[in-house]
Amino acid sequence: MGVRWHLRERMAAAGMWKTTDLVAPLAERGVRLSREQVYRLVTGQPERLNVYVLAALCDILDCCPNDLIEPVVENATVRKRAVAGGELAGQEGTGLPRPVRARIVPEAIAGHESGGAPGSPS
């Protein structure tokens, strides 16, 4: 699961073109961030976001959290399920070599028991 951060787009829609345009409005709402912190908030995607910062951004930009944060599914892994014949679903016809099942022949076992290890002198 991932997110897309739309702060820059929402700022542009509100006519705010510089990252420093947010410093004073945030401070008016009790959120004191440095210019560098605001720059990182606008230009990057935050890993953690204080709920008061989010509330202040929504108030400044007249939007809701859903307008700033869009959840997206990333790197969805598909579970493979076994099907008849030992192949995995979705893997038929891949051209990859398949392992060959070993067969144990009872006569070969009897020969090893009486003759010792293969390749050893009798």
PDB file of N, CA and C in Angstrom:
ATOM      1  N   MET A   1       0.845  -1.169   0.000  1.00  0.00           N
ATOM      2  CA  MET A   1       0.000   0.000   0.000  1.00  0.00           C
ATOM      3  C   MET A   1       0.893   1.236   0.000  1.00  0.00           C
ATOM      4  N   GLY A   2       0.549   2.191  -0.781  1.00  0.00           N
ATOM      5  CA  GLY A   2       1.302   3.432  -0.828  1.00  0.00           C
ATOM      6  C   GLY A   2       0.357   4.622  -0.893  1.00  0.00           C
ATOM      7  N   VAL A   3       0.912   5.804  -1.004  1.00  0.00           N
ATOM      8  CA  VAL A   3       0.100   7.019  -1.111  1.00  0.00           C
ATOM      9  C   VAL A   3       0.702   7.932  -2.170  1.00  0.00           C
ATOM     10  N   ARG A   4      -0.148   8.746  -2.732  1.00  0.00           N
ATOM     11  CA  ARG A   4       0.296   9.839  -3.593  1.00  0.00           C
ATOM     12  C   ARG A   4       0.003  11.129  -2.842  1.00  0.00           C
ATOM     13  N   TRP A   5       0.962  12.013  -2.830  1.00  0.00           N
ATOM     14  CA  TRP A   5       0.880  13.262  -2.083  1.00  0.00           C
ATOM     15  C   TRP A   5       0.598  14.383  -3.068  1.00  0.00           C
ATOM     16  N   HIS A   6      -0.536  15.063  -2.926  1.00  0.00           N
ATOM     17  CA  HIS A   6      -0.996  16.067  -3.886  1.00  0.00           C
ATOM     18  C   HIS A   6      -0.902  17.497  -3.368  1.00  0.00           C
ATOM     19  N   LEU A   7       0.001  17.764  -2.431  1.00  0.00           N
ATOM     20  CA  LEU A   7       0.089  19.108  -1.854  1.00  0.00           C
ATOM     21  C   LEU A   7       0.460  20.148  -2.907  1.00  0.00           C
ATOM     22  N   ARG A   8       1.444  19.853  -3.736  1.00  0.00           N
ATOM     23  CA  ARG A   8       1.868  20.831  -4.744  1.00  0.00           C
ATOM     24  C   ARG A   8       0.720  21.179  -5.698  1.00  0.00           C
ATOM     25  N   GLU A   9      -0.040  20.182  -6.124  1.00  0.00           N
ATOM     26  CA  GLU A   9      -1.166  20.432  -7.029  1.00  0.00           C
ATOM     27  C   GLU A   9      -2.241  21.294  -6.362  1.00  0.00           C
ATOM     28  N   ARG A  10      -2.524  20.989  -5.077  1.00  0.00           N
ATOM     29  CA  ARG A  10      -3.536  21.780  -4.357  1.00  0.00           C
ATOM     30  C   ARG A  10      -3.062  23.217  -4.151  1.00  0.00           C
ATOM     31  N   MET A  11      -1.760  23.383  -3.907  1.00  0.00           N
ATOM     32  CA  MET A  11      -1.217  24.738  -3.771  1.00  0.00           C
ATOM     33  C   MET A  11      -1.366  25.503  -5.083  1.00  0.00           C
ATOM     34  N   ALA A  12      -1.058  24.866  -6.200  1.00  0.00           N
ATOM     35  CA  ALA A  12      -1.166  25.524  -7.511  1.00  0.00           C
ATOM     36  C   ALA A  12      -2.611  25.919  -7.782  1.00  0.00           C
ATOM     37  N   ALA A  13      -3.556  25.049  -7.416  1.00  0.00           N
ATOM     38  CA  ALA A  13      -4.969  25.362  -7.629  1.00  0.00           C
ATOM     39  C   ALA A  13      -5.396  26.576  -6.794  1.00  0.00           C
ATOM     40  N   ALA A  14      -4.710  26.792  -5.669  1.00  0.00           N
ATOM     41  CA  ALA A  14      -5.025  27.932  -4.809  1.00  0.00           C
ATOM     42  C   ALA A  14      -4.174  29.160  -5.155  1.00  0.00           C
ATOM     43  N   GLY A  15      -3.364  29.057  -6.208  1.00  0.00           N
ATOM     44  CA  GLY A  15      -2.540  30.189  -6.626  1.00  0.00           C
ATOM     45  C   GLY A  15      -1.276  30.379  -5.805  1.00  0.00           C
ATOM     46  N   MET A  16      -0.850  29.331  -5.126  1.00  0.00           N
ATOM     47  CA  MET A  16       0.382  29.390  -4.338  1.00  0.00           C
ATOM     48  C   MET A  16       1.473  28.679  -5.134  1.00  0.00           C
ATOM     49  N   TRP A  17       2.482  29.433  -5.570  1.00  0.00           N
ATOM     50  CA  TRP A  17       3.491  28.877  -6.469  1.00  0.00           C
ATOM     51  C   TRP A  17       4.825  28.614  -5.801  1.00  0.00           C
ATOM     52  N   LYS A  18       5.079  29.230  -4.660  1.00  0.00           N
ATOM     53  CA  LYS A  18       6.352  29.049  -3.958  1.00  0.00           C
ATOM     54  C   LYS A  18       6.105  28.263  -2.679  1.00  0.00           C
ATOM     55  N   THR A  19       7.073  27.441  -2.322  1.00  0.00           N
ATOM     56  CA  THR A  19       6.920  26.664  -1.092  1.00  0.00           C
ATOM     57  C   THR A  19       6.848  27.578   0.124  1.00  0.00           C
ATOM     58  N   THR A  20       7.515  28.724   0.061  1.00  0.00           N
ATOM     59  CA  THR A  20       7.493  29.648   1.198  1.00  0.00           C
ATOM     60  C   THR A  20       6.137  30.317   1.386  1.00  0.00           C
ATOM     61  N   ASP A  21       5.245  30.192   0.392  1.00  0.00           N
ATOM     62  CA  ASP A  21       3.899  30.747   0.531  1.00  0.00           C
ATOM     63  C   ASP A  21       3.115  30.085   1.664  1.00  0.00           C
ATOM     64  N   LEU A  22       3.570  28.923   2.112  1.00  0.00           N
ATOM     65  CA  LEU A  22       2.868  28.209   3.186  1.00  0.00           C
ATOM     66  C   LEU A  22       3.371  28.565   4.579  1.00  0.00           C
ATOM     67  N   VAL A  23       4.565  29.131   4.689  1.00  0.00           N
ATOM     68  CA  VAL A  23       5.170  29.350   6.008  1.00  0.00           C
ATOM     69  C   VAL A  23       4.279  30.227   6.889  1.00  0.00           C
ATOM     70  N   ALA A  24       3.891  31.389   6.417  1.00  0.00           N
ATOM     71  CA  ALA A  24       3.077  32.307   7.233  1.00  0.00           C
ATOM     72  C   ALA A  24       1.686  31.749   7.531  1.00  0.00           C
ATOM     73  N   PRO A  25       0.954  31.211   6.538  1.00  0.00           N
ATOM     74  CA  PRO A  25      -0.372  30.651   6.867  1.00  0.00           C
ATOM     75  C   PRO A  25      -0.306  29.506   7.876  1.00  0.00           C
ATOM     76  N   LEU A  26       0.743  28.688   7.800  1.00  0.00           N
ATOM     77  CA  LEU A  26       0.891  27.620   8.787  1.00  0.00           C
ATOM     78  C   LEU A  26       1.142  28.206  10.175  1.00  0.00           C
ATOM     79  N   ALA A  27       2.007  29.216  10.242  1.00  0.00           N
ATOM     80  CA  ALA A  27       2.317  29.844  11.529  1.00  0.00           C
ATOM     81  C   ALA A  27       1.074  30.486  12.140  1.00  0.00           C
ATOM     82  N   GLU A  28       0.202  31.082  11.303  1.00  0.00           N
ATOM     83  CA  GLU A  28      -1.042  31.674  11.802  1.00  0.00           C
ATOM     84  C   GLU A  28      -1.937  30.637  12.466  1.00  0.00           C
ATOM     85  N   ARG A  29      -1.781  29.379  12.064  1.00  0.00           N
ATOM     86  CA  ARG A  29      -2.596  28.294  12.612  1.00  0.00           C
ATOM     87  C   ARG A  29      -1.847  27.510  13.686  1.00  0.00           C
ATOM     88  N   GLY A  30      -0.736  28.067  14.164  1.00  0.00           N
ATOM     89  CA  GLY A  30       0.003  27.442  15.256  1.00  0.00           C
ATOM     90  C   GLY A  30       0.996  26.381  14.833  1.00  0.00           C
ATOM     91  N   VAL A  31       1.243  26.222  13.549  1.00  0.00           N
ATOM     92  CA  VAL A  31       2.196  25.223  13.065  1.00  0.00           C
ATOM     93  C   VAL A  31       3.460  25.957  12.649  1.00  0.00           C
ATOM     94  N   ARG A  32       4.504  25.790  13.428  1.00  0.00           N
ATOM     95  CA  ARG A  32       5.769  26.475  13.160  1.00  0.00           C
ATOM     96  C   ARG A  32       6.732  25.509  12.473  1.00  0.00           C
ATOM     97  N   LEU A  33       6.921  25.704  11.180  1.00  0.00           N
ATOM     98  CA  LEU A  33       7.869  24.904  10.402  1.00  0.00           C
ATOM     99  C   LEU A  33       8.865  25.843   9.740  1.00  0.00           C
ATOM    100  N   SER A  34      10.103  25.392   9.633  1.00  0.00           N
ATOM    101  CA  SER A  34      11.116  26.191   8.947  1.00  0.00           C
ATOM    102  C   SER A  34      10.847  26.165   7.445  1.00  0.00           C
ATOM    103  N   ARG A  35      11.505  27.078   6.742  1.00  0.00           N
ATOM    104  CA  ARG A  35      11.353  27.091   5.276  1.00  0.00           C
ATOM    105  C   ARG A  35      11.803  25.768   4.688  1.00  0.00           C
ATOM    106  N   GLU A  36      12.864  25.175   5.238  1.00  0.00           N
ATOM    107  CA  GLU A  36      13.379  23.894   4.744  1.00  0.00           C
ATOM    108  C   GLU A  36      12.371  22.767   4.974  1.00  0.00           C
ATOM    109  N   GLN A  37      11.735  22.782   6.147  1.00  0.00           N
ATOM    110  CA  GLN A  37      10.727  21.753   6.429  1.00  0.00           C
ATOM    111  C   GLN A  37       9.534  21.883   5.496  1.00  0.00           C
ATOM    112  N   VAL A  38       9.103  23.103   5.234  1.00  0.00           N
ATOM    113  CA  VAL A  38       7.980  23.324   4.316  1.00  0.00           C
ATOM    114  C   VAL A  38       8.379  22.903   2.907  1.00  0.00           C
ATOM    115  N   TYR A  39       9.611  23.213   2.510  1.00  0.00           N
ATOM    116  CA  TYR A  39      10.099  22.816   1.188  1.00  0.00           C
ATOM    117  C   TYR A  39      10.038  21.291   1.029  1.00  0.00           C
ATOM    118  N   ARG A  40      10.526  20.563   2.033  1.00  0.00           N
ATOM    119  CA  ARG A  40      10.481  19.097   1.972  1.00  0.00           C
ATOM    120  C   ARG A  40       9.044  18.583   1.965  1.00  0.00           C
ATOM    121  N   LEU A  41       8.167  19.244   2.708  1.00  0.00           N
ATOM    122  CA  LEU A  41       6.762  18.845   2.766  1.00  0.00           C
ATOM    123  C   LEU A  41       6.087  19.019   1.404  1.00  0.00           C
ATOM    124  N   VAL A  42       6.426  20.098   0.707  1.00  0.00           N
ATOM    125  CA  VAL A  42       5.799  20.384  -0.585  1.00  0.00           C
ATOM    126  C   VAL A  42       6.417  19.564  -1.708  1.00  0.00           C
ATOM    127  N   THR A  43       7.735  19.458  -1.738  1.00  0.00           N
ATOM    128  CA  THR A  43       8.406  18.831  -2.886  1.00  0.00           C
ATOM    129  C   THR A  43       8.539  17.325  -2.772  1.00  0.00           C
ATOM    130  N   GLY A  44       8.456  16.793  -1.572  1.00  0.00           N
ATOM    131  CA  GLY A  44       8.589  15.354  -1.392  1.00  0.00           C
ATOM    132  C   GLY A  44       7.298  14.742  -0.911  1.00  0.00           C
ATOM    133  N   GLN A  45       7.376  13.488  -0.597  1.00  0.00           N
ATOM    134  CA  GLN A  45       6.211  12.787  -0.046  1.00  0.00           C
ATOM    135  C   GLN A  45       6.541  12.428   1.396  1.00  0.00           C
ATOM    136  N   PRO A  46       5.811  12.979   2.360  1.00  0.00           N
ATOM    137  CA  PRO A  46       6.146  12.703   3.752  1.00  0.00           C
ATOM    138  C   PRO A  46       5.874  11.248   4.124  1.00  0.00           C
ATOM    139  N   GLU A  47       6.767  10.685   4.933  1.00  0.00           N
ATOM    140  CA  GLU A  47       6.543   9.334   5.448  1.00  0.00           C
ATOM    141  C   GLU A  47       5.629   9.371   6.661  1.00  0.00           C
ATOM    142  N   ARG A  48       5.766  10.454   7.438  1.00  0.00           N
ATOM    143  CA  ARG A  48       4.918  10.680   8.608  1.00  0.00           C
ATOM    144  C   ARG A  48       4.391  12.095   8.511  1.00  0.00           C
ATOM    145  N   LEU A  49       3.171  12.290   8.980  1.00  0.00           N
ATOM    146  CA  LEU A  49       2.570  13.613   8.899  1.00  0.00           C
ATOM    147  C   LEU A  49       1.785  13.874  10.179  1.00  0.00           C
ATOM    148  N   ASN A  50       2.133  14.954  10.839  1.00  0.00           N
ATOM    149  CA  ASN A  50       1.455  15.359  12.057  1.00  0.00           C
ATOM    150  C   ASN A  50       0.015  15.745  11.702  1.00  0.00           C
ATOM    151  N   VAL A  51      -0.932  15.301  12.502  1.00  0.00           N
ATOM    152  CA  VAL A  51      -2.339  15.556  12.219  1.00  0.00           C
ATOM    153  C   VAL A  51      -2.651  17.053  12.270  1.00  0.00           C
ATOM    154  N   TYR A  52      -1.934  17.816  13.082  1.00  0.00           N
ATOM    155  CA  TYR A  52      -2.168  19.261  13.146  1.00  0.00           C
ATOM    156  C   TYR A  52      -1.656  19.950  11.878  1.00  0.00           C
ATOM    157  N   VAL A  53      -0.563  19.457  11.338  1.00  0.00           N
ATOM    158  CA  VAL A  53      -0.058  19.988  10.065  1.00  0.00           C
ATOM    159  C   VAL A  53      -1.065  19.688   8.964  1.00  0.00           C
ATOM    160  N   LEU A  54      -1.582  18.458   8.953  1.00  0.00           N
ATOM    161  CA  LEU A  54      -2.584  18.081   7.948  1.00  0.00           C
ATOM    162  C   LEU A  54      -3.833  18.945   8.068  1.00  0.00           C
ATOM    163  N   ALA A  55      -4.307  19.158   9.287  1.00  0.00           N
ATOM    164  CA  ALA A  55      -5.503  19.985   9.493  1.00  0.00           C
ATOM    165  C   ALA A  55      -5.250  21.424   9.040  1.00  0.00           C
ATOM    166  N   ALA A  56      -4.064  21.952   9.335  1.00  0.00           N
ATOM    167  CA  ALA A  56      -3.744  23.319   8.924  1.00  0.00           C
ATOM    168  C   ALA A  56      -3.667  23.422   7.399  1.00  0.00           C
ATOM    169  N   LEU A  57      -3.047  22.429   6.746  1.00  0.00           N
ATOM    170  CA  LEU A  57      -2.967  22.441   5.276  1.00  0.00           C
ATOM    171  C   LEU A  57      -4.363  22.393   4.662  1.00  0.00           C
ATOM    172  N   CYS A  58      -5.226  21.556   5.223  1.00  0.00           N
ATOM    173  CA  CYS A  58      -6.600  21.463   4.703  1.00  0.00           C
ATOM    174  C   CYS A  58      -7.337  22.790   4.881  1.00  0.00           C
ATOM    175  N   ASP A  59      -7.123  23.464   6.001  1.00  0.00           N
ATOM    176  CA  ASP A  59      -7.771  24.751   6.241  1.00  0.00           C
ATOM    177  C   ASP A  59      -7.237  25.817   5.282  1.00  0.00           C
ATOM    178  N   ILE A  60      -5.930  25.860   5.101  1.00  0.00           N
ATOM    179  CA  ILE A  60      -5.308  26.842   4.210  1.00  0.00           C
ATOM    180  C   ILE A  60      -5.766  26.650   2.767  1.00  0.00           C
ATOM    181  N   LEU A  61      -5.817  25.402   2.327  1.00  0.00           N
ATOM    182  CA  LEU A  61      -6.121  25.102   0.927  1.00  0.00           C
ATOM    183  C   LEU A  61      -7.598  24.826   0.685  1.00  0.00           C
ATOM    184  N   ASP A  62      -8.414  24.935   1.744  1.00  0.00           N
ATOM    185  CA  ASP A  62      -9.858  24.702   1.650  1.00  0.00           C
ATOM    186  C   ASP A  62     -10.146  23.351   0.987  1.00  0.00           C
ATOM    187  N   CYS A  63      -9.575  22.317   1.578  1.00  0.00           N
ATOM    188  CA  CYS A  63      -9.771  20.966   1.044  1.00  0.00           C
ATOM    189  C   CYS A  63      -9.885  19.992   2.206  1.00  0.00           C
ATOM    190  N   CYS A  64     -10.058  18.730   1.895  1.00  0.00           N
ATOM    191  CA  CYS A  64     -10.105  17.692   2.918  1.00  0.00           C
ATOM    192  C   CYS A  64      -8.876  16.786   2.764  1.00  0.00           C
ATOM    193  N   PRO A  65      -8.584  15.969   3.763  1.00  0.00           N
ATOM    194  CA  PRO A  65      -7.404  15.104   3.681  1.00  0.00           C
ATOM    195  C   PRO A  65      -7.367  14.226   2.425  1.00  0.00           C
ATOM    196  N   ASN A  66      -8.531  13.785   1.952  1.00  0.00           N
ATOM    197  CA  ASN A  66      -8.565  12.958   0.739  1.00  0.00           C
ATOM    198  C   ASN A  66      -8.052  13.707  -0.479  1.00  0.00           C
ATOM    199  N   ASP A  67      -8.129  15.028  -0.465  1.00  0.00           N
ATOM    200  CA  ASP A  67      -7.618  15.808  -1.585  1.00  0.00           C
ATOM    201  C   ASP A  67      -6.093  15.861  -1.582  1.00  0.00           C
ATOM    202  N   LEU A  68      -5.489  15.671  -0.421  1.00  0.00           N
ATOM    203  CA  LEU A  68      -4.035  15.723  -0.299  1.00  0.00           C
ATOM    204  C   LEU A  68      -3.395  14.340  -0.350  1.00  0.00           C
ATOM    205  N   ILE A  69      -4.064  13.362   0.217  1.00  0.00           N
ATOM    206  CA  ILE A  69      -3.503  12.011   0.324  1.00  0.00           C
ATOM    207  C   ILE A  69      -4.378  11.045  -0.458  1.00  0.00           C
ATOM    208  N   GLU A  70      -3.799  10.394  -1.446  1.00  0.00           N
ATOM    209  CA  GLU A  70      -4.530   9.407  -2.247  1.00  0.00           C
ATOM    210  C   GLU A  70      -3.903   8.032  -2.012  1.00  0.00           C
ATOM    211  N   PRO A  71      -4.635   7.113  -1.377  1.00  0.00           N
ATOM    212  CA  PRO A  71      -4.085   5.767  -1.197  1.00  0.00           C
ATOM    213  C   PRO A  71      -4.034   5.026  -2.530  1.00  0.00           C
ATOM    214  N   VAL A  72      -2.938   4.332  -2.774  1.00  0.00           N
ATOM    215  CA  VAL A  72      -2.772   3.550  -3.999  1.00  0.00           C
ATOM    216  C   VAL A  72      -2.192   2.193  -3.651  1.00  0.00           C
ATOM    217  N   VAL A  73      -2.551   1.207  -4.447  1.00  0.00           N
ATOM    218  CA  VAL A  73      -2.008  -0.139  -4.274  1.00  0.00           C
ATOM    219  C   VAL A  73      -0.770  -0.240  -5.151  1.00  0.00           C
ATOM    220  N   GLU A  74       0.355  -0.599  -4.540  1.00  0.00           N
ATOM    221  CA  GLU A  74       1.608  -0.754  -5.264  1.00  0.00           C
ATOM    222  C   GLU A  74       2.156  -2.145  -5.019  1.00  0.00           C
ATOM    223  N   ASN A  75       2.850  -2.678  -6.011  1.00  0.00           N
ATOM    224  CA  ASN A  75       3.533  -3.959  -5.892  1.00  0.00           C
ATOM    225  C   ASN A  75       2.599  -5.061  -5.404  1.00  0.00           C
ATOM    226  N   ALA A  76       1.430  -5.134  -6.000  1.00  0.00           N
ATOM    227  CA  ALA A  76       0.495  -6.188  -5.625  1.00  0.00           C
ATOM    228  C   ALA A  76       1.047  -7.518  -6.102  1.00  0.00           C
ATOM    229  N   THR A  77       1.215  -8.442  -5.189  1.00  0.00           N
ATOM    230  CA  THR A  77       1.705  -9.764  -5.560  1.00  0.00           C
ATOM    231  C   THR A  77       0.508 -10.683  -5.746  1.00  0.00           C
ATOM    232  N   VAL A  78       0.570 -11.463  -6.770  1.00  0.00           N
ATOM    233  CA  VAL A  78      -0.502 -12.398  -7.075  1.00  0.00           C
ATOM    234  C   VAL A  78      -0.098 -13.762  -6.535  1.00  0.00           C
ATOM    235  N   ARG A  79      -0.944 -14.316  -5.694  1.00  0.00           N
ATOM    236  CA  ARG A  79      -0.664 -15.652  -5.174  1.00  0.00           C
ATOM    237  C   ARG A  79      -0.821 -16.661  -6.274  1.00  0.00           C
ATOM    238  N   LYS A  80       0.116 -17.565  -6.355  1.00  0.00           N
ATOM    239  CA  LYS A  80       0.053 -18.633  -7.348  1.00  0.00           C
ATOM    240  C   LYS A  80      -0.651 -19.814  -6.701  1.00  0.00           C
ATOM    241  N   ARG A  81      -1.523 -20.427  -7.443  1.00  0.00           N
ATOM    242  CA  ARG A  81      -2.216 -21.586  -6.896  1.00  0.00           C
ATOM    243  C   ARG A  81      -1.895 -22.804  -7.733  1.00  0.00           C
ATOM    244  N   ALA A  82      -1.824 -23.939  -7.085  1.00  0.00           N
ATOM    245  CA  ALA A  82      -1.513 -25.175  -7.786  1.00  0.00           C
ATOM    246  C   ALA A  82      -2.727 -25.621  -8.584  1.00  0.00           C
ATOM    247  N   VAL A  83      -2.464 -26.172  -9.750  1.00  0.00           N
ATOM    248  CA  VAL A  83      -3.523 -26.725 -10.581  1.00  0.00           C
ATOM    249  C   VAL A  83      -3.141 -28.149 -10.929  1.00  0.00           C
ATOM    250  N   ALA A  84      -4.051 -28.867 -11.525  1.00  0.00           N
ATOM    251  CA  ALA A  84      -3.802 -30.253 -11.900  1.00  0.00           C
ATOM    252  C   ALA A  84      -2.581 -30.342 -12.802  1.00  0.00           C
ATOM    253  N   GLY A  85      -1.798 -31.402 -12.632  1.00  0.00           N
ATOM    254  CA  GLY A  85      -0.621 -31.589 -13.469  1.00  0.00           C
ATOM    255  C   GLY A  85       0.628 -30.997 -12.832  1.00  0.00           C
ATOM    256  N   GLY A  86       0.504 -30.389 -11.656  1.00  0.00           N
ATOM    257  CA  GLY A  86       1.668 -29.895 -10.960  1.00  0.00           C
ATOM    258  C   GLY A  86       2.151 -28.528 -11.405  1.00  0.00           C
ATOM    259  N   GLU A  87       1.487 -27.929 -12.398  1.00  0.00           N
ATOM    260  CA  GLU A  87       1.918 -26.605 -12.843  1.00  0.00           C
ATOM    261  C   GLU A  87       1.229 -25.551 -11.997  1.00  0.00           C
ATOM    262  N   LEU A  88       1.840 -24.400 -11.928  1.00  0.00           N
ATOM    263  CA  LEU A  88       1.242 -23.293 -11.198  1.00  0.00           C
ATOM    264  C   LEU A  88       0.345 -22.507 -12.124  1.00  0.00           C
ATOM    265  N   ALA A  89      -0.754 -22.012 -11.583  1.00  0.00           N
ATOM    266  CA  ALA A  89      -1.663 -21.195 -12.384  1.00  0.00           C
ATOM    267  C   ALA A  89      -0.916 -19.981 -12.888  1.00  0.00           C
ATOM    268  N   GLY A  90      -1.051 -19.679 -14.146  1.00  0.00           N
ATOM    269  CA  GLY A  90      -0.396 -18.528 -14.735  1.00  0.00           C
ATOM    270  C   GLY A  90       1.009 -18.830 -15.225  1.00  0.00           C
ATOM    271  N   GLN A  91       1.502 -20.068 -15.058  1.00  0.00           N
ATOM    272  CA  GLN A  91       2.862 -20.419 -15.449  1.00  0.00           C
ATOM    273  C   GLN A  91       2.906 -21.368 -16.639  1.00  0.00           C
ATOM    274  N   GLU A  92       1.748 -21.735 -17.176  1.00  0.00           N
ATOM    275  CA  GLU A  92       1.736 -22.657 -18.291  1.00  0.00           C
ATOM    276  C   GLU A  92       2.403 -22.021 -19.497  1.00  0.00           C
ATOM    277  N   GLY A  93       3.195 -22.816 -20.214  1.00  0.00           N
ATOM    278  CA  GLY A  93       3.784 -22.339 -21.450  1.00  0.00           C
ATOM    279  C   GLY A  93       4.849 -21.281 -21.282  1.00  0.00           C
ATOM    280  N   THR A  94       5.546 -21.264 -20.154  1.00  0.00           N
ATOM    281  CA  THR A  94       6.580 -20.258 -19.957  1.00  0.00           C
ATOM    282  C   THR A  94       7.869 -20.629 -20.656  1.00  0.00           C
ATOM    283  N   GLY A  95       8.007 -21.875 -21.077  1.00  0.00           N
ATOM    284  CA  GLY A  95       9.218 -22.299 -21.755  1.00  0.00           C
ATOM    285  C   GLY A  95      10.346 -22.636 -20.790  1.00  0.00           C
ATOM    286  N   LEU A  96      10.109 -22.560 -19.507  1.00  0.00           N
ATOM    287  CA  LEU A  96      11.133 -22.893 -18.531  1.00  0.00           C
ATOM    288  C   LEU A  96      11.211 -24.400 -18.359  1.00  0.00           C
ATOM    289  N   PRO A  97      12.419 -24.920 -18.176  1.00  0.00           N
ATOM    290  CA  PRO A  97      12.525 -26.376 -17.973  1.00  0.00           C
ATOM    291  C   PRO A  97      11.884 -26.775 -16.659  1.00  0.00           C
ATOM    292  N   ARG A  98      11.230 -27.916 -16.694  1.00  0.00           N
ATOM    293  CA  ARG A  98      10.588 -28.419 -15.490  1.00  0.00           C
ATOM    294  C   ARG A  98      11.448 -29.529 -14.912  1.00  0.00           C
ATOM    295  N   PRO A  99      11.537 -29.606 -13.606  1.00  0.00           N
ATOM    296  CA  PRO A  99      12.323 -30.685 -13.006  1.00  0.00           C
ATOM    297  C   PRO A  99      11.672 -32.036 -13.277  1.00  0.00           C
ATOM    298  N   VAL A 100      12.511 -33.044 -13.390  1.00  0.00           N
ATOM    299  CA  VAL A 100      12.024 -34.398 -13.639  1.00  0.00           C
ATOM    300  C   VAL A 100      11.986 -35.129 -12.309  1.00  0.00           C
ATOM    301  N   ARG A 101      10.863 -35.765 -12.039  1.00  0.00           N
ATOM    302  CA  ARG A 101      10.712 -36.486 -10.781  1.00  0.00           C
ATOM    303  C   ARG A 101      11.612 -37.718 -10.797  1.00  0.00           C
ATOM    304  N   ALA A 102      12.325 -37.944  -9.695  1.00  0.00           N
ATOM    305  CA  ALA A 102      13.192 -39.117  -9.576  1.00  0.00           C
ATOM    306  C   ALA A 102      12.336 -40.348  -9.342  1.00  0.00           C
ATOM    307  N   ARG A 103      12.742 -41.451 -10.006  1.00  0.00           N
ATOM    308  CA  ARG A 103      12.053 -42.725  -9.789  1.00  0.00           C
ATOM    309  C   ARG A 103      12.990 -43.659  -9.066  1.00  0.00           C
ATOM    310  N   ILE A 104      12.496 -44.277  -8.020  1.00  0.00           N
ATOM    311  CA  ILE A 104      13.294 -45.250  -7.279  1.00  0.00           C
ATOM    312  C   ILE A 104      12.844 -46.627  -7.724  1.00  0.00           C
ATOM    313  N   VAL A 105      13.795 -47.371  -8.292  1.00  0.00           N
ATOM    314  CA  VAL A 105      13.500 -48.706  -8.808  1.00  0.00           C
ATOM    315  C   VAL A 105      13.936 -49.716  -7.750  1.00  0.00           C
ATOM    316  N   PRO A 106      13.010 -50.586  -7.311  1.00  0.00           N
ATOM    317  CA  PRO A 106      13.350 -51.526  -6.235  1.00  0.00           C
ATOM    318  C   PRO A 106      14.583 -52.384  -6.546  1.00  0.00           C
ATOM    319  N   GLU A 107      14.795 -52.784  -7.824  1.00  0.00           N
ATOM    320  CA  GLU A 107      15.955 -53.618  -8.161  1.00  0.00           C
ATOM    321  C   GLU A 107      17.258 -52.860  -7.923  1.00  0.00           C
ATOM    322  N   ALA A 108      17.254 -51.556  -8.172  1.00  0.00           N
ATOM    323  CA  ALA A 108      18.471 -50.770  -7.982  1.00  0.00           C
ATOM    324  C   ALA A 108      18.816 -50.675  -6.512  1.00  0.00           C
ATOM    325  N   ILE A 109      17.808 -50.616  -5.658  1.00  0.00           N
ATOM    326  CA  ILE A 109      18.061 -50.557  -4.218  1.00  0.00           C
ATOM    327  C   ILE A 109      18.664 -51.865  -3.749  1.00  0.00           C
ATOM    328  N   ALA A 110      18.136 -52.997  -4.224  1.00  0.00           N
ATOM    329  CA  ALA A 110      18.642 -54.314  -3.831  1.00  0.00           C
ATOM    330  C   ALA A 110      20.092 -54.475  -4.273  1.00  0.00           C
ATOM    331  N   GLY A 111      20.459 -53.958  -5.441  1.00  0.00           N
ATOM    332  CA  GLY A 111      21.835 -54.067  -5.923  1.00  0.00           C
ATOM    333  C   GLY A 111      22.795 -53.268  -5.080  1.00  0.00           C
ATOM    334  N   HIS A 112      22.376 -52.132  -4.577  1.00  0.00           N
ATOM    335  CA  HIS A 112      23.243 -51.310  -3.739  1.00  0.00           C
ATOM    336  C   HIS A 112      23.419 -51.911  -2.364  1.00  0.00           C
ATOM    337  N   GLU A 113      22.401 -52.604  -1.874  1.00  0.00           N
ATOM    338  CA  GLU A 113      22.499 -53.187  -0.546  1.00  0.00           C
ATOM    339  C   GLU A 113      23.528 -54.306  -0.515  1.00  0.00           C
ATOM    340  N   SER A 114      23.582 -55.127  -1.567  1.00  0.00           N
ATOM    341  CA  SER A 114      24.496 -56.258  -1.553  1.00  0.00           C
ATOM    342  C   SER A 114      25.883 -55.882  -2.043  1.00  0.00           C
ATOM    343  N   GLY A 115      25.970 -54.893  -2.959  1.00  0.00           N
ATOM    344  CA  GLY A 115      27.270 -54.584  -3.561  1.00  0.00           C
ATOM    345  C   GLY A 115      27.995 -53.450  -2.896  1.00  0.00           C
ATOM    346  N   GLY A 116      27.441 -52.804  -1.893  1.00  0.00           N
ATOM    347  CA  GLY A 116      28.115 -51.686  -1.268  1.00  0.00           C
ATOM    348  C   GLY A 116      27.863 -50.394  -2.021  1.00  0.00           C
ATOM    349  N   ALA A 117      28.679 -49.444  -1.767  1.00  0.00           N
ATOM    350  CA  ALA A 117      28.488 -48.124  -2.375  1.00  0.00           C
ATOM    351  C   ALA A 117      28.905 -48.162  -3.827  1.00  0.00           C
ATOM    352  N   PRO A 118      28.245 -47.393  -4.706  1.00  0.00           N
ATOM    353  CA  PRO A 118      28.628 -47.407  -6.112  1.00  0.00           C
ATOM    354  C   PRO A 118      30.050 -46.878  -6.272  1.00  0.00           C
ATOM    355  N   GLY A 119      30.803 -47.525  -7.131  1.00  0.00           N
ATOM    356  CA  GLY A 119      32.159 -47.095  -7.415  1.00  0.00           C
ATOM    357  C   GLY A 119      33.183 -47.591  -6.430  1.00  0.00           C
ATOM    358  N   SER A 120      32.764 -48.316  -5.374  1.00  0.00           N
ATOM    359  CA  SER A 120      33.743 -48.838  -4.416  1.00  0.00           C
ATOM    360  C   SER A 120      34.172 -50.238  -4.835  1.00  0.00           C
ATOM    361  N   PRO A 121      35.418 -50.602  -4.554  1.00  0.00           N
ATOM    362  CA  PRO A 121      35.875 -51.941  -4.950  1.00  0.00           C
ATOM    363  C   PRO A 121      35.150 -53.020  -4.158  1.00  0.00           C
ATOM    364  N   SER A 122      34.890 -54.167  -4.788  1.00  0.00           N
ATOM    365  CA  SER A 122      34.177 -55.255  -4.115  1.00  0.00           C
ATOM    366  C   SER A 122      35.144 -56.236  -3.555  1.00  0.00           C
TER     367      SER A 122
END
